[in-house]
Protein backbone atom coordinates (compact mmCIF):
# COMPACT_ATOMS: atom_id res chain seq x y z
CA LYS A 1 -18.64 -29.23 44.93
CA ASN A 2 -16.04 -30.75 42.62
CA GLU A 3 -18.37 -30.21 39.66
CA GLN A 4 -18.83 -26.57 40.64
CA GLU A 5 -15.08 -26.09 40.88
CA ARG A 6 -14.55 -27.63 37.46
CA GLU A 7 -17.29 -25.43 36.01
CA GLY A 8 -15.75 -22.39 37.63
CA GLY A 9 -12.35 -23.34 36.23
CA ARG A 10 -13.75 -23.66 32.71
CA GLU A 11 -15.47 -20.27 32.97
CA GLY A 12 -12.26 -18.70 34.23
CA ALA A 13 -10.27 -20.18 31.33
CA GLU A 14 -12.88 -18.93 28.83
CA ASP A 15 -12.76 -15.43 30.33
CA LYS A 16 -8.97 -15.36 30.03
CA GLN A 17 -9.16 -16.52 26.41
CA LYS A 18 -11.72 -13.82 25.60
CA GLU A 19 -9.52 -11.20 27.25
CA ARG A 20 -6.49 -12.34 25.22
CA LYS A 21 -8.54 -12.12 22.01
CA ARG A 22 -9.79 -8.66 22.94
CA ARG A 23 -6.26 -7.43 23.60
CA ARG A 24 -5.02 -8.96 20.35
CA ARG A 25 -7.79 -7.24 18.36
CA GLN A 26 -6.97 -3.96 20.11
CA GLU A 27 -3.27 -4.31 19.26
CA GLU A 28 -4.08 -5.13 15.63
CA GLU A 29 -6.35 -2.09 15.39
CA GLU A 30 -3.60 0.14 16.82
CA GLU A 31 -1.14 -1.29 14.29
CA ARG A 32 -3.57 -0.53 11.44
CA ARG A 33 -3.98 3.05 12.65
CA ASP A 34 -0.21 3.46 12.84
CA LEU A 35 0.16 2.14 9.30
CA ASN A 36 -2.49 4.52 7.99
CA ARG A 37 -0.53 7.45 9.40
CA MET A 38 2.64 6.33 7.59
CA PRO A 39 3.73 7.74 4.23
CA PHE A 40 2.76 5.30 1.49
CA GLU A 41 6.39 4.36 0.84
CA ASP A 42 6.66 3.14 4.44
CA GLN A 43 3.31 1.32 4.21
CA LEU A 44 4.54 -0.47 1.10
CA ASN A 45 7.79 -1.51 2.75
CA ALA A 46 5.99 -2.63 5.91
CA ASN A 47 3.37 -4.73 4.11
CA ALA A 48 5.20 -6.08 1.07
CA VAL A 49 5.89 -9.80 0.90
CA VAL A 50 9.68 -10.06 1.11
CA GLU A 51 9.92 -12.81 -1.53
CA TRP A 52 7.84 -10.72 -3.95
CA ARG A 53 9.43 -7.33 -3.27
CA LYS A 54 10.83 -6.87 -6.77
CA LYS A 55 7.35 -7.46 -8.22
CA TYR A 56 5.77 -4.40 -6.60
CA LEU A 57 5.58 -1.10 -8.44
CA ASP A 58 8.67 1.07 -8.03
CA PHE A 59 6.76 3.78 -6.20
CA ASP A 60 9.73 5.93 -5.14
CA ARG A 61 11.14 6.24 -8.65
CA LEU A 62 7.75 6.86 -10.25
CA LYS A 63 6.85 9.42 -7.61
CA ARG A 64 9.95 11.47 -8.42
CA ALA A 65 9.24 11.17 -12.13
CA VAL A 66 5.60 12.22 -11.69
CA VAL A 67 6.49 15.35 -9.70
CA LYS A 68 9.22 16.34 -12.15
CA CYS A 69 7.03 15.72 -15.18
CA ALA A 70 4.04 17.57 -13.72
CA LYS A 71 6.13 20.63 -12.96
CA GLU A 72 7.64 20.59 -16.45
CA GLN A 73 4.18 20.25 -17.98
CA LYS A 74 3.15 23.53 -16.40
CA LYS A 75 5.74 25.20 -18.59
CA SER A 76 4.57 23.37 -21.69
CA THR A 77 1.67 24.15 -24.01
CA GLY A 78 1.04 20.43 -24.55
CA SER A 79 -1.97 18.67 -23.06
CA PHE A 80 -1.38 15.72 -20.77
CA ILE A 81 -4.88 14.51 -21.54
CA GLY A 82 -4.30 14.38 -25.27
CA ASP A 83 -1.03 12.50 -24.93
CA LEU A 84 -2.44 10.13 -22.35
CA GLU A 85 -5.42 9.30 -24.53
CA GLN A 86 -3.10 8.41 -27.42
CA ARG A 87 -0.97 6.18 -25.23
CA LEU A 88 -3.88 4.47 -23.47
CA LEU A 89 -5.75 3.80 -26.69
CA LEU A 90 -2.71 1.98 -28.03
CA ASN A 91 -2.33 0.04 -24.77
CA GLY A 92 -5.98 -0.81 -24.29
CA ASP A 93 -5.37 -4.39 -25.42
CA GLN A 94 -2.74 -5.77 -23.06
CA ASN A 95 -2.12 -8.71 -25.40
CA GLY A 96 -1.57 -6.55 -28.45
CA ASP A 97 1.67 -5.32 -29.98
CA ASP A 98 3.65 -2.92 -27.83
CA GLU A 99 3.64 0.09 -30.11
CA THR A 100 5.70 3.14 -29.26
CA THR A 101 4.38 6.63 -29.88
CA ASN A 102 7.39 8.67 -28.84
CA SER A 103 7.69 10.26 -32.26
CA ASP A 104 4.07 11.42 -32.06
CA LEU A 105 4.23 12.84 -28.56
CA HIS A 106 5.43 16.41 -28.25
CA ASP A 107 6.75 15.95 -24.75
CA GLU A 108 9.45 13.30 -24.34
CA ARG A 109 9.35 13.33 -20.56
CA LEU A 110 5.61 12.80 -20.50
CA SER A 111 5.90 9.96 -22.99
CA LEU A 112 8.53 8.24 -20.85
CA LEU A 113 6.43 8.68 -17.72
CA ILE A 114 3.39 7.10 -19.36
CA GLN A 115 5.50 4.23 -20.69
CA ASP A 116 7.01 3.73 -17.22
CA MET A 117 3.62 3.56 -15.55
CA MET A 118 2.15 1.21 -18.15
CA THR A 119 5.23 -1.04 -17.92
CA GLU A 120 4.82 -1.22 -14.15
CA VAL A 121 1.12 -2.03 -14.55
CA ASP A 122 1.99 -4.86 -16.94
CA MET A 123 4.65 -6.23 -14.57
CA VAL A 124 2.30 -6.22 -11.58
CA ASN A 125 -0.56 -7.71 -13.56
CA ASN A 126 1.54 -10.50 -15.09
CA PHE A 127 2.86 -11.52 -11.66
CA TYR A 128 -0.67 -11.49 -10.23
CA VAL A 129 -2.00 -13.70 -13.05
CA GLU A 130 0.94 -16.10 -12.64
CA LYS A 131 0.34 -16.46 -8.90
CA GLU A 132 -3.42 -16.77 -9.36
CA ALA A 133 -2.91 -19.69 -11.76
CA GLU A 134 -0.47 -21.30 -9.31
CA PHE A 135 -2.97 -21.03 -6.45
CA GLU A 136 -5.77 -22.45 -8.57
CA GLU A 137 -3.60 -25.49 -9.29
CA ARG A 138 -2.85 -25.88 -5.58
CA PHE A 139 -6.57 -25.71 -4.83
CA ARG A 140 -7.29 -28.46 -7.35
CA SER A 141 -4.60 -30.61 -5.73
CA ILE A 142 -6.13 -30.07 -2.29
CA LYS A 143 -9.56 -30.97 -3.65
CA THR A 144 -8.22 -34.20 -5.16
CA PHE A 145 -6.38 -35.02 -1.93
CA THR A 146 -9.60 -34.43 0.05
CA ASN A 147 -11.61 -36.75 -2.19
CA ASN A 148 -8.97 -39.48 -1.92
CA PHE A 149 -8.83 -39.00 1.84
CA SER A 150 -12.58 -39.53 2.13
CA ARG A 151 -12.48 -42.68 -0.02
CA ASN A 152 -9.45 -44.16 1.71
CA TYR A 153 -10.85 -43.83 5.20
CA GLY A 154 -14.54 -44.28 4.52
CA ALA A 155 -14.10 -47.95 5.36
CA ARG A 156 -11.17 -49.70 7.02
CA ASN A 157 -9.03 -52.00 4.90
CA SER A 158 -9.00 -55.44 6.53
CA SER A 159 -5.32 -55.87 5.66
CA THR A 160 -4.36 -52.76 7.66
CA SER A 161 -4.28 -52.76 11.44
CA LEU A 162 -6.45 -50.22 13.20
CA SER A 163 -3.49 -48.45 14.84
CA ALA A 164 -1.58 -48.22 11.54
CA MET A 165 -4.63 -46.81 9.79
CA ILE A 166 -5.16 -44.22 12.54
CA ASN A 167 -1.51 -43.11 12.37
CA GLN A 168 -1.62 -42.82 8.59
CA LYS A 169 -4.94 -41.00 8.71
CA ASP A 170 -3.63 -38.50 11.27
CA SER A 171 -0.51 -37.87 9.18
CA GLU A 172 -2.47 -37.28 5.98
CA TRP A 173 -4.99 -35.12 7.82
CA ARG A 174 -2.19 -32.89 9.11
CA GLN A 175 -0.81 -32.60 5.56
CA LEU A 176 -4.23 -31.63 4.24
CA LYS A 177 -4.80 -29.10 7.00
CA LYS A 178 -1.36 -27.52 6.47
CA ALA A 179 -1.82 -27.31 2.69
CA THR A 180 -5.21 -25.64 3.13
CA ILE A 181 -3.93 -23.10 5.67
CA ASP A 182 -0.86 -22.32 3.54
CA LEU A 183 -3.03 -21.73 0.48
CA TYR A 184 -5.39 -19.46 2.41
CA ARG A 185 -2.47 -17.39 3.71
CA ALA A 186 -0.91 -17.16 0.26
CA SER A 187 -4.23 -16.04 -1.23
CA LYS A 188 -4.53 -13.28 1.37
CA MET A 189 -0.97 -12.20 0.58
CA LEU A 190 -1.85 -11.97 -3.12
CA GLU A 191 -4.99 -9.99 -2.32
CA ASN A 192 -2.88 -7.57 -0.28
CA TYR A 193 -0.32 -7.41 -3.12
CA ALA A 194 -3.02 -6.31 -5.57
CA SER A 195 -4.45 -3.79 -3.12
CA LEU A 196 -1.09 -2.17 -2.36
CA ASN A 197 -0.17 -1.82 -6.01
CA TYR A 198 -3.58 -0.42 -6.91
CA GLU A 199 -3.25 2.18 -4.16
CA GLY A 200 0.24 3.03 -5.39
CA PHE A 201 -0.95 3.77 -8.93
CA PHE A 202 -3.92 5.70 -7.56
CA ARG A 203 -1.62 7.87 -5.45
CA LEU A 204 0.78 8.51 -8.34
CA VAL A 205 -1.95 9.83 -10.60
CA SER A 206 -3.48 11.83 -7.75
CA LEU A 207 -0.05 13.35 -7.17
CA TYR A 208 0.13 14.38 -10.82
CA LYS A 209 -3.28 16.00 -10.55
CA LYS A 210 -2.19 17.89 -7.46
CA HIS A 211 0.75 19.45 -9.30
CA HIS A 212 -0.78 19.80 -12.75
CA ASN A 213 -4.49 20.24 -11.97
CA ASP A 214 -5.82 17.99 -14.76
CA SER A 215 -9.24 16.78 -13.65
CA ASN A 216 -9.49 13.75 -15.99
CA VAL A 217 -6.03 12.21 -15.63
CA LEU A 218 -6.99 9.85 -12.81
CA ASP A 219 -10.06 8.52 -14.61
CA LEU A 220 -8.20 8.04 -17.90
CA PHE A 221 -5.30 6.11 -16.41
CA LEU A 222 -7.32 3.93 -14.07
CA THR A 223 -9.96 3.25 -16.74
CA SER A 224 -7.20 1.93 -18.99
CA CYS A 225 -6.29 -0.58 -16.26
CA GLU A 226 -9.68 -1.48 -14.82
CA ASN A 227 -10.02 -4.73 -16.80
CA ARG A 228 -6.67 -6.06 -15.62
CA PRO A 229 -7.14 -9.00 -13.22
CA PHE A 230 -5.26 -7.38 -10.35
CA PHE A 231 -7.44 -4.25 -10.62
CA THR A 232 -10.74 -6.15 -10.49
């Protein structure tokens, strides 16, 4: 009877845990649906890492500039495609010299918009690369710590008491576990950072197309960025 009661208690606890998980998944799904219904500006603010906020694209400012430029371009005889091709060809190599083509572009506002967007791309990409290198170094440190942990506790040192060794092992294990979890969380934050910025640039160029009806603008701009680490 006692065994049956214990078994019943375990099953009841498991059912409650499953129900909590189900409710948590349901709440998370509802939150995702709510976010998808938000304007992108609100999605960006809701999902941005606070400490990195200044490293995200300035979507609000660029959005206003895109709309204004697109409307002005309708009054102009110039081709956005032609100007964009000139700018992107010169910026194809992100490590090359930062040449300016303002004197060659017939539309100053368009030139400034392109420069703005490319500057934002460079800022986002440089931050992403910096963080990626930092996380790789953290991973190497964790790997070294793990190897040392295995060697240190593969066999007990005769000069160390069993209780002291257990306490030290538990302490180091907690450090290792925390470092691994922190790195995983930081990596997911960086992945989300790249995704949000990519979507922001995608939306900006789509917005230009909506107002100016240039079918190749999106492909030209995104193609110029596709080899950047945060785009891939």
